[in-house]
Amino acid sequence: MTGPGETRAALPHRYPMLLVDRVLTTGAEEIRAVKAVTLNEPWYARLGSGPSEADFAYPDFLVLESWTQTAGLLATRPDEEAADGLTMLFGSMRDVEFHRPVFPGDVIEHHVRLVRAVNDTLVFEGDSRTGGEAVLTVGTVTVAFRPRERLDTKHTGSAPR
């Protein structure tokens, strides 16, 4: 199990976009992590007075972002030193399906599996659950690592090739 300090150190995200609270289990080809949804999150500040129950549904794109951050933790695990100087880019997503809304008080458990790794490109699949009930299914997500200097023209002074 990885604590919040290790999770925070492994991901570049910060408040309010760090959406993984804890890693439960990790291996070379799979990871399980959790995100606790609370009413105190900034997404609920816009609701004002008198929102309907449906207004409290956690945004689907944030459920997916939390899942992809979990995949990112798995992607950086096998050889962290080799990933130094590289930027992880999420590419295509296929067969993404949302099954039910998530509400404050729910704890989302993300399951991510590495399906294939070819050089600097990885393919993941998995799902998310709360209370044992399916929330999200991800058919595949493709991730590629690219040299940071080729992507960050502000620091290199040249256009990407």
Protein backbone atom coordinates (compact mmCIF):
# COMPACT_ATOMS: atom_id res chain seq x y z
CA MET A 1 0.00 0.00 0.00
CA THR A 2 1.24 3.48 -0.86
CA GLY A 3 0.42 6.43 1.35
CA PRO A 4 -0.61 9.92 0.27
CA GLY A 5 2.97 11.22 0.36
CA GLU A 6 4.19 8.68 -2.19
CA THR A 7 1.12 9.19 -4.36
CA ARG A 8 1.61 12.95 -4.32
CA ALA A 9 5.30 12.60 -5.15
CA ALA A 10 4.59 10.30 -8.12
CA LEU A 11 1.99 12.52 -9.82
CA PRO A 12 2.50 16.11 -10.99
CA HIS A 13 -1.10 17.05 -10.11
CA ARG A 14 -1.97 19.30 -7.14
CA TYR A 15 -5.13 20.68 -5.56
CA PRO A 16 -7.77 20.59 -6.86
CA MET A 17 -6.76 18.08 -9.56
CA LEU A 18 -4.91 15.42 -7.55
CA LEU A 19 -7.66 12.79 -7.64
CA VAL A 20 -6.03 9.67 -6.14
CA ASP A 21 -6.05 9.41 -2.36
CA ARG A 22 -4.29 6.12 -1.76
CA VAL A 23 -2.86 3.13 -3.60
CA LEU A 24 -4.18 -0.13 -2.15
CA THR A 25 -2.13 -2.63 -4.13
CA THR A 26 0.36 -2.42 -6.94
CA GLY A 27 2.31 -4.86 -9.04
CA ALA A 28 4.15 -4.85 -12.34
CA GLU A 29 0.94 -5.18 -14.34
CA GLU A 30 -1.91 -3.93 -12.14
CA ILE A 31 -2.80 -1.36 -9.54
CA ARG A 32 -5.76 -0.63 -7.26
CA ALA A 33 -6.27 2.85 -5.84
CA VAL A 34 -9.05 4.84 -4.20
CA LYS A 35 -10.57 8.29 -4.46
CA ALA A 36 -12.95 9.44 -1.72
CA VAL A 37 -15.54 11.89 -3.00
CA THR A 38 -16.49 14.57 -0.46
CA LEU A 39 -19.06 17.34 -0.41
CA ASN A 40 -16.23 19.76 0.35
CA GLU A 41 -14.70 19.49 -3.15
CA PRO A 42 -14.58 22.61 -5.32
CA TRP A 43 -16.91 21.11 -7.96
CA TYR A 44 -19.82 21.51 -5.52
CA ALA A 45 -19.22 25.20 -4.70
CA ARG A 46 -21.20 26.31 -7.77
CA LEU A 47 -24.40 24.56 -6.64
CA GLY A 48 -25.76 27.41 -4.49
CA SER A 49 -28.94 26.89 -2.50
CA GLY A 50 -31.56 24.30 -3.32
CA PRO A 51 -29.73 21.91 -5.66
CA SER A 52 -31.47 18.71 -6.69
CA GLU A 53 -30.06 15.31 -5.74
CA ALA A 54 -28.85 14.82 -9.33
CA ASP A 55 -26.81 18.04 -9.06
CA PHE A 56 -24.57 16.28 -6.52
CA ALA A 57 -23.39 13.69 -9.07
CA TYR A 58 -19.60 13.84 -9.28
CA PRO A 59 -18.61 14.92 -12.82
CA ASP A 60 -17.97 11.91 -15.07
CA PHE A 61 -14.83 13.47 -16.52
CA LEU A 62 -13.35 13.63 -13.00
CA VAL A 63 -14.06 9.94 -12.41
CA LEU A 64 -12.21 9.22 -15.66
CA GLU A 65 -9.39 11.63 -14.73
CA SER A 66 -8.97 9.87 -11.39
CA TRP A 67 -8.81 6.50 -13.17
CA THR A 68 -6.19 7.80 -15.62
CA GLN A 69 -4.13 9.22 -12.77
CA THR A 70 -4.15 5.72 -11.27
CA ALA A 71 -2.97 4.36 -14.63
CA GLY A 72 -0.26 7.02 -14.57
CA LEU A 73 0.95 5.70 -11.22
CA LEU A 74 1.27 2.22 -12.72
CA ALA A 75 2.99 3.61 -15.83
CA THR A 76 5.72 5.25 -13.74
CA ARG A 77 6.28 2.29 -11.43
CA PRO A 78 8.38 -0.28 -13.36
CA ASP A 79 11.43 1.89 -14.07
CA GLU A 80 11.08 5.34 -12.53
CA GLU A 81 14.65 6.35 -13.43
CA ALA A 82 14.09 5.58 -17.11
CA ALA A 83 11.02 7.87 -17.02
CA ASP A 84 13.10 10.83 -15.81
CA GLY A 85 13.10 13.57 -18.47
CA LEU A 86 10.03 12.09 -20.15
CA THR A 87 6.47 13.38 -20.21
CA MET A 88 3.58 10.94 -20.09
CA LEU A 89 0.86 11.67 -22.66
CA PHE A 90 -2.53 10.02 -22.63
CA GLY A 91 -3.69 9.29 -26.15
CA SER A 92 -6.68 7.38 -27.35
CA MET A 93 -9.47 6.00 -25.17
CA ARG A 94 -11.79 3.30 -26.40
CA ASP A 95 -14.93 1.67 -25.03
CA VAL A 96 -15.31 4.01 -22.05
CA GLU A 97 -18.65 3.45 -20.36
CA PHE A 98 -20.17 5.14 -17.30
CA HIS A 99 -22.55 2.89 -15.39
CA ARG A 100 -23.92 5.04 -12.60
CA PRO A 101 -23.27 8.41 -10.97
CA VAL A 102 -20.94 8.87 -8.00
CA PHE A 103 -22.02 11.04 -5.06
CA PRO A 104 -20.35 12.64 -2.04
CA GLY A 105 -19.62 9.92 0.51
CA ASP A 106 -18.75 7.35 -2.16
CA VAL A 107 -15.27 5.86 -2.25
CA ILE A 108 -14.26 4.97 -5.80
CA GLU A 109 -11.93 2.01 -6.18
CA HIS A 110 -10.00 2.07 -9.45
CA HIS A 111 -8.64 -1.14 -11.01
CA VAL A 112 -6.09 -0.65 -13.79
CA ARG A 113 -4.34 -3.43 -15.72
CA LEU A 114 -1.41 -3.13 -18.10
CA VAL A 115 -2.45 -4.96 -21.27
CA ARG A 116 0.57 -4.28 -23.46
CA ALA A 117 3.88 -2.42 -23.36
CA VAL A 118 5.83 -1.71 -26.53
CA ASN A 119 8.90 0.49 -26.07
CA ASP A 120 7.59 3.81 -24.70
CA THR A 121 3.90 3.09 -25.35
CA LEU A 122 1.57 1.39 -22.87
CA VAL A 123 -2.01 0.17 -23.17
CA PHE A 124 -4.25 -0.11 -20.09
CA GLU A 125 -7.75 -1.38 -19.35
CA GLY A 126 -9.84 -1.53 -16.20
CA ASP A 127 -12.78 -0.31 -14.23
CA SER A 128 -13.93 1.67 -11.23
CA ARG A 129 -16.36 0.58 -8.53
CA THR A 130 -18.00 1.98 -5.46
CA GLY A 131 -19.49 -0.33 -2.88
CA GLY A 132 -18.77 -3.22 -5.25
CA GLU A 133 -20.98 -1.66 -7.94
CA ALA A 134 -19.56 -0.75 -11.37
CA VAL A 135 -19.16 2.99 -11.97
CA LEU A 136 -16.85 3.06 -14.99
CA THR A 137 -15.43 0.59 -17.50
CA VAL A 138 -12.43 1.49 -19.64
CA GLY A 139 -11.82 -0.76 -22.65
CA THR A 140 -8.38 0.64 -23.47
CA VAL A 141 -6.31 3.76 -22.89
CA THR A 142 -3.04 4.33 -24.72
CA VAL A 143 -0.17 6.16 -23.00
CA ALA A 144 3.11 7.25 -24.58
CA PHE A 145 6.24 8.73 -23.04
CA ARG A 146 7.99 11.47 -24.99
CA PRO A 147 11.16 13.47 -24.25
CA ARG A 148 10.16 16.59 -22.31
CA GLU A 149 12.47 18.87 -24.31
CA ARG A 150 10.67 17.97 -27.54
CA LEU A 151 7.33 19.01 -26.04
CA ASP A 152 8.30 22.09 -24.06
CA THR A 153 9.31 24.72 -26.63
CA LYS A 154 9.31 27.46 -23.98
CA HIS A 155 12.46 25.99 -22.45
CA THR A 156 14.22 24.77 -25.59
CA GLY A 157 13.53 27.71 -27.90
CA SER A 158 12.55 25.46 -30.81
CA ALA A 159 9.38 24.05 -32.20
CA PRO A 160 8.58 20.36 -31.59
CA ARG A 161 9.47 17.98 -34.43
